[in-house]
Protein backbone atom coordinates (compact mmCIF):
# COMPACT_ATOMS: atom_id res chain seq x y z
CA UNK A 1 0.00 0.00 0.00
CA UNK A 2 1.23 3.50 -0.85
CA UNK A 3 1.33 6.04 1.96
CA UNK A 4 1.90 9.75 2.30
CA UNK A 5 5.39 10.90 3.31
CA UNK A 6 4.49 13.94 5.37
CA UNK A 7 2.66 17.23 5.28
CA UNK A 8 3.23 18.81 1.88
CA UNK A 9 1.66 22.19 2.54
CA UNK A 10 -0.77 24.26 4.51
CA UNK A 11 -2.88 26.72 2.52
CA UNK A 12 -4.72 29.75 3.88
CA UNK A 13 -7.15 32.24 2.39
CA UNK A 14 -6.17 35.79 3.33
CA UNK A 15 -7.46 39.30 2.80
CA UNK A 16 -3.81 40.36 2.33
CA UNK A 17 -1.77 37.29 1.32
CA UNK A 18 1.57 39.16 1.20
CA UNK A 19 1.13 40.62 4.68
CA UNK A 20 0.05 37.29 6.14
CA UNK A 21 3.01 35.33 4.72
CA UNK A 22 5.31 38.12 5.95
CA UNK A 23 3.85 37.66 9.47
CA UNK A 24 4.50 33.90 9.37
CA UNK A 25 8.05 34.58 8.15
CA UNK A 26 8.95 37.57 10.34
CA UNK A 27 7.06 36.77 13.56
CA UNK A 28 6.94 32.95 13.69
CA UNK A 29 10.21 32.45 11.82
CA UNK A 30 8.75 30.18 9.11
CA UNK A 31 11.63 30.50 6.65
CA UNK A 32 9.73 30.38 3.34
CA UNK A 33 11.16 31.24 -0.05
CA UNK A 34 9.39 33.23 -2.79
CA UNK A 35 7.27 30.20 -3.68
CA UNK A 36 6.30 29.39 -0.09
CA UNK A 37 8.74 26.45 0.13
CA UNK A 38 9.95 25.78 3.66
CA UNK A 39 12.52 23.13 4.56
CA UNK A 40 11.44 21.88 7.98
CA UNK A 41 13.46 20.11 10.60
CA UNK A 42 12.66 16.41 10.92
CA UNK A 43 10.30 15.49 13.69
CA UNK A 44 6.88 14.11 14.55
CA UNK A 45 3.62 15.23 12.99
CA UNK A 46 0.20 14.58 14.53
CA UNK A 47 -2.99 13.99 12.56
CA UNK A 48 -5.97 14.20 14.91
CA UNK A 49 -9.70 14.64 14.44
CA UNK A 50 -12.01 16.59 16.74
CA UNK A 51 -15.78 16.74 17.22
CA UNK A 52 -17.54 19.15 14.86
CA UNK A 53 -18.58 21.37 17.78
CA UNK A 54 -15.11 21.71 19.35
CA UNK A 55 -13.94 25.13 20.46
CA UNK A 56 -10.31 23.96 20.46
CA UNK A 57 -9.65 25.71 17.13
CA UNK A 58 -11.14 29.00 18.26
CA UNK A 59 -14.21 30.19 16.39
CA UNK A 60 -16.58 27.73 14.68
CA UNK A 61 -15.70 29.08 11.21
CA UNK A 62 -12.12 27.74 11.53
CA UNK A 63 -12.27 24.16 10.27
CA UNK A 64 -8.58 23.30 10.68
CA UNK A 65 -5.67 24.38 12.84
CA UNK A 66 -1.97 24.13 12.10
CA UNK A 67 0.36 22.96 14.87
CA UNK A 68 4.00 24.07 14.69
CA UNK A 69 6.74 22.27 16.63
CA UNK A 70 8.99 24.65 18.59
CA UNK A 71 12.23 24.15 20.49
CA UNK A 72 11.39 26.50 23.39
CA UNK A 73 7.72 27.33 23.89
CA UNK A 74 8.31 30.08 26.46
CA UNK A 75 10.82 31.85 24.21
CA UNK A 76 8.49 31.60 21.20
CA UNK A 77 5.52 32.97 23.16
CA UNK A 78 7.66 35.86 24.46
CA UNK A 79 8.80 36.62 20.89
CA UNK A 80 5.20 36.63 19.67
CA UNK A 81 4.15 38.98 22.47
CA UNK A 82 7.02 41.37 21.59
CA UNK A 83 5.56 41.51 18.07
CA UNK A 84 2.11 42.32 19.43
CA UNK A 85 0.61 38.96 18.45
CA UNK A 86 -2.62 37.72 20.04
CA UNK A 87 -1.13 35.07 22.36
CA UNK A 88 -3.38 33.01 24.63
CA UNK A 89 -2.41 33.20 28.29
CA UNK A 90 -3.12 29.49 28.75
CA UNK A 91 -0.21 27.03 28.42
CA UNK A 92 -0.81 23.30 28.79
CA UNK A 93 1.68 20.71 29.99
CA UNK A 94 0.75 17.13 29.12
CA UNK A 95 3.00 14.55 30.74
CA UNK A 96 4.80 12.53 28.08
CA UNK A 97 3.29 14.60 25.25
CA UNK A 98 4.81 18.06 25.72
CA UNK A 99 3.82 21.68 26.24
CA UNK A 100 1.27 23.62 24.21
CA UNK A 101 0.52 27.29 23.63
CA UNK A 102 -1.65 29.17 21.15
CA UNK A 103 -1.55 32.34 19.09
CA UNK A 104 -3.81 33.83 16.43
CA UNK A 105 -2.32 35.19 13.21
CA UNK A 106 -3.33 38.66 11.94
CA UNK A 107 -6.27 37.12 10.02
CA UNK A 108 -7.61 35.44 13.19
CA UNK A 109 -6.47 31.88 12.45
CA UNK A 110 -5.68 30.03 15.69
CA UNK A 111 -2.26 28.31 15.66
CA UNK A 112 -1.06 25.73 18.14
CA UNK A 113 2.59 25.68 19.21
CA UNK A 114 4.00 22.42 20.55
CA UNK A 115 7.22 21.79 22.42
CA UNK A 116 7.62 17.99 22.34
CA UNK A 117 9.16 16.34 25.40
CA UNK A 118 12.97 16.26 25.50
CA UNK A 119 14.63 13.04 24.47
C-alpha atoms as a PDB file:
ATOM      1  CA  UNK A   1       0.000   0.000   0.000  1.00  0.00           C
ATOM      2  CA  UNK A   2       1.230   3.497  -0.854  1.00  0.00           C
ATOM      3  CA  UNK A   3       1.330   6.037   1.956  1.00  0.00           C
ATOM      4  CA  UNK A   4       1.903   9.751   2.303  1.00  0.00           C
ATOM      5  CA  UNK A   5       5.389  10.895   3.307  1.00  0.00           C
ATOM      6  CA  UNK A   6       4.490  13.942   5.371  1.00  0.00           C
ATOM      7  CA  UNK A   7       2.663  17.235   5.284  1.00  0.00           C
ATOM      8  CA  UNK A   8       3.230  18.812   1.884  1.00  0.00           C
ATOM      9  CA  UNK A   9       1.655  22.187   2.539  1.00  0.00           C
ATOM     10  CA  UNK A  10      -0.775  24.262   4.510  1.00  0.00           C
ATOM     11  CA  UNK A  11      -2.875  26.719   2.522  1.00  0.00           C
ATOM     12  CA  UNK A  12      -4.725  29.754   3.882  1.00  0.00           C
ATOM     13  CA  UNK A  13      -7.146  32.237   2.387  1.00  0.00           C
ATOM     14  CA  UNK A  14      -6.173  35.793   3.325  1.00  0.00           C
ATOM     15  CA  UNK A  15      -7.462  39.297   2.796  1.00  0.00           C
ATOM     16  CA  UNK A  16      -3.810  40.362   2.327  1.00  0.00           C
ATOM     17  CA  UNK A  17      -1.766  37.288   1.318  1.00  0.00           C
ATOM     18  CA  UNK A  18       1.567  39.160   1.195  1.00  0.00           C
ATOM     19  CA  UNK A  19       1.127  40.624   4.680  1.00  0.00           C
ATOM     20  CA  UNK A  20       0.049  37.291   6.137  1.00  0.00           C
ATOM     21  CA  UNK A  21       3.008  35.334   4.721  1.00  0.00           C
ATOM     22  CA  UNK A  22       5.312  38.120   5.949  1.00  0.00           C
ATOM     23  CA  UNK A  23       3.848  37.657   9.466  1.00  0.00           C
ATOM     24  CA  UNK A  24       4.501  33.901   9.365  1.00  0.00           C
ATOM     25  CA  UNK A  25       8.054  34.577   8.153  1.00  0.00           C
ATOM     26  CA  UNK A  26       8.951  37.567  10.343  1.00  0.00           C
ATOM     27  CA  UNK A  27       7.063  36.768  13.559  1.00  0.00           C
ATOM     28  CA  UNK A  28       6.945  32.953  13.686  1.00  0.00           C
ATOM     29  CA  UNK A  29      10.207  32.452  11.818  1.00  0.00           C
ATOM     30  CA  UNK A  30       8.751  30.178   9.115  1.00  0.00           C
ATOM     31  CA  UNK A  31      11.632  30.496   6.648  1.00  0.00           C
ATOM     32  CA  UNK A  32       9.730  30.385   3.339  1.00  0.00           C
ATOM     33  CA  UNK A  33      11.165  31.241  -0.051  1.00  0.00           C
ATOM     34  CA  UNK A  34       9.394  33.231  -2.786  1.00  0.00           C
ATOM     35  CA  UNK A  35       7.266  30.199  -3.684  1.00  0.00           C
ATOM     36  CA  UNK A  36       6.298  29.385  -0.091  1.00  0.00           C
ATOM     37  CA  UNK A  37       8.742  26.449   0.133  1.00  0.00           C
ATOM     38  CA  UNK A  38       9.953  25.781   3.662  1.00  0.00           C
ATOM     39  CA  UNK A  39      12.520  23.131   4.557  1.00  0.00           C
ATOM     40  CA  UNK A  40      11.436  21.880   7.978  1.00  0.00           C
ATOM     41  CA  UNK A  41      13.458  20.114  10.598  1.00  0.00           C
ATOM     42  CA  UNK A  42      12.663  16.410  10.917  1.00  0.00           C
ATOM     43  CA  UNK A  43      10.295  15.485  13.685  1.00  0.00           C
ATOM     44  CA  UNK A  44       6.879  14.109  14.552  1.00  0.00           C
ATOM     45  CA  UNK A  45       3.618  15.227  12.986  1.00  0.00           C
ATOM     46  CA  UNK A  46       0.203  14.575  14.525  1.00  0.00           C
ATOM     47  CA  UNK A  47      -2.987  13.986  12.564  1.00  0.00           C
ATOM     48  CA  UNK A  48      -5.973  14.200  14.911  1.00  0.00           C
ATOM     49  CA  UNK A  49      -9.695  14.635  14.443  1.00  0.00           C
ATOM     50  CA  UNK A  50     -12.010  16.587  16.738  1.00  0.00           C
ATOM     51  CA  UNK A  51     -15.775  16.743  17.218  1.00  0.00           C
ATOM     52  CA  UNK A  52     -17.536  19.152  14.863  1.00  0.00           C
ATOM     53  CA  UNK A  53     -18.579  21.375  17.782  1.00  0.00           C
ATOM     54  CA  UNK A  54     -15.110  21.706  19.355  1.00  0.00           C
ATOM     55  CA  UNK A  55     -13.937  25.130  20.462  1.00  0.00           C
ATOM     56  CA  UNK A  56     -10.315  23.962  20.463  1.00  0.00           C
ATOM     57  CA  UNK A  57      -9.648  25.707  17.131  1.00  0.00           C
ATOM     58  CA  UNK A  58     -11.136  28.996  18.261  1.00  0.00           C
ATOM     59  CA  UNK A  59     -14.214  30.188  16.388  1.00  0.00           C
ATOM     60  CA  UNK A  60     -16.580  27.728  14.685  1.00  0.00           C
ATOM     61  CA  UNK A  61     -15.698  29.079  11.214  1.00  0.00           C
ATOM     62  CA  UNK A  62     -12.123  27.738  11.535  1.00  0.00           C
ATOM     63  CA  UNK A  63     -12.271  24.159  10.268  1.00  0.00           C
ATOM     64  CA  UNK A  64      -8.580  23.298  10.677  1.00  0.00           C
ATOM     65  CA  UNK A  65      -5.674  24.382  12.844  1.00  0.00           C
ATOM     66  CA  UNK A  66      -1.970  24.130  12.096  1.00  0.00           C
ATOM     67  CA  UNK A  67       0.363  22.960  14.868  1.00  0.00           C
ATOM     68  CA  UNK A  68       4.004  24.066  14.689  1.00  0.00           C
ATOM     69  CA  UNK A  69       6.743  22.275  16.631  1.00  0.00           C
ATOM     70  CA  UNK A  70       8.989  24.648  18.590  1.00  0.00           C
ATOM     71  CA  UNK A  71      12.230  24.150  20.489  1.00  0.00           C
ATOM     72  CA  UNK A  72      11.393  26.504  23.394  1.00  0.00           C
ATOM     73  CA  UNK A  73       7.716  27.331  23.887  1.00  0.00           C
ATOM     74  CA  UNK A  74       8.306  30.076  26.460  1.00  0.00           C
ATOM     75  CA  UNK A  75      10.825  31.850  24.209  1.00  0.00           C
ATOM     76  CA  UNK A  76       8.486  31.601  21.201  1.00  0.00           C
ATOM     77  CA  UNK A  77       5.516  32.968  23.156  1.00  0.00           C
ATOM     78  CA  UNK A  78       7.655  35.860  24.461  1.00  0.00           C
ATOM     79  CA  UNK A  79       8.802  36.620  20.891  1.00  0.00           C
ATOM     80  CA  UNK A  80       5.201  36.631  19.672  1.00  0.00           C
ATOM     81  CA  UNK A  81       4.147  38.984  22.472  1.00  0.00           C
ATOM     82  CA  UNK A  82       7.017  41.373  21.586  1.00  0.00           C
ATOM     83  CA  UNK A  83       5.558  41.507  18.071  1.00  0.00           C
ATOM     84  CA  UNK A  84       2.110  42.323  19.431  1.00  0.00           C
ATOM     85  CA  UNK A  85       0.606  38.965  18.447  1.00  0.00           C
ATOM     86  CA  UNK A  86      -2.621  37.716  20.039  1.00  0.00           C
ATOM     87  CA  UNK A  87      -1.126  35.066  22.355  1.00  0.00           C
ATOM     88  CA  UNK A  88      -3.383  33.011  24.630  1.00  0.00           C
ATOM     89  CA  UNK A  89      -2.409  33.204  28.294  1.00  0.00           C
ATOM     90  CA  UNK A  90      -3.120  29.486  28.752  1.00  0.00           C
ATOM     91  CA  UNK A  91      -0.215  27.034  28.422  1.00  0.00           C
ATOM     92  CA  UNK A  92      -0.812  23.297  28.790  1.00  0.00           C
ATOM     93  CA  UNK A  93       1.684  20.707  29.993  1.00  0.00           C
ATOM     94  CA  UNK A  94       0.754  17.128  29.118  1.00  0.00           C
ATOM     95  CA  UNK A  95       3.004  14.549  30.738  1.00  0.00           C
ATOM     96  CA  UNK A  96       4.804  12.534  28.075  1.00  0.00           C
ATOM     97  CA  UNK A  97       3.288  14.604  25.250  1.00  0.00           C
ATOM     98  CA  UNK A  98       4.805  18.061  25.719  1.00  0.00           C
ATOM     99  CA  UNK A  99       3.822  21.679  26.240  1.00  0.00           C
ATOM    100  CA  UNK A 100       1.274  23.623  24.210  1.00  0.00           C
ATOM    101  CA  UNK A 101       0.523  27.293  23.629  1.00  0.00           C
ATOM    102  CA  UNK A 102      -1.650  29.172  21.147  1.00  0.00           C
ATOM    103  CA  UNK A 103      -1.547  32.342  19.087  1.00  0.00           C
ATOM    104  CA  UNK A 104      -3.809  33.830  16.427  1.00  0.00           C
ATOM    105  CA  UNK A 105      -2.323  35.187  13.214  1.00  0.00           C
ATOM    106  CA  UNK A 106      -3.328  38.657  11.938  1.00  0.00           C
ATOM    107  CA  UNK A 107      -6.275  37.125  10.022  1.00  0.00           C
ATOM    108  CA  UNK A 108      -7.614  35.440  13.188  1.00  0.00           C
ATOM    109  CA  UNK A 109      -6.465  31.878  12.453  1.00  0.00           C
ATOM    110  CA  UNK A 110      -5.677  30.031  15.693  1.00  0.00           C
ATOM    111  CA  UNK A 111      -2.259  28.312  15.660  1.00  0.00           C
ATOM    112  CA  UNK A 112      -1.064  25.730  18.144  1.00  0.00           C
ATOM    113  CA  UNK A 113       2.590  25.681  19.205  1.00  0.00           C
ATOM    114  CA  UNK A 114       4.000  22.415  20.547  1.00  0.00           C
ATOM    115  CA  UNK A 115       7.222  21.793  22.423  1.00  0.00           C
ATOM    116  CA  UNK A 116       7.619  17.993  22.342  1.00  0.00           C
ATOM    117  CA  UNK A 117       9.162  16.344  25.397  1.00  0.00           C
ATOM    118  CA  UNK A 118      12.974  16.260  25.501  1.00  0.00           C
ATOM    119  CA  UNK A 119      14.630  13.043  24.472  1.00  0.00           C
END
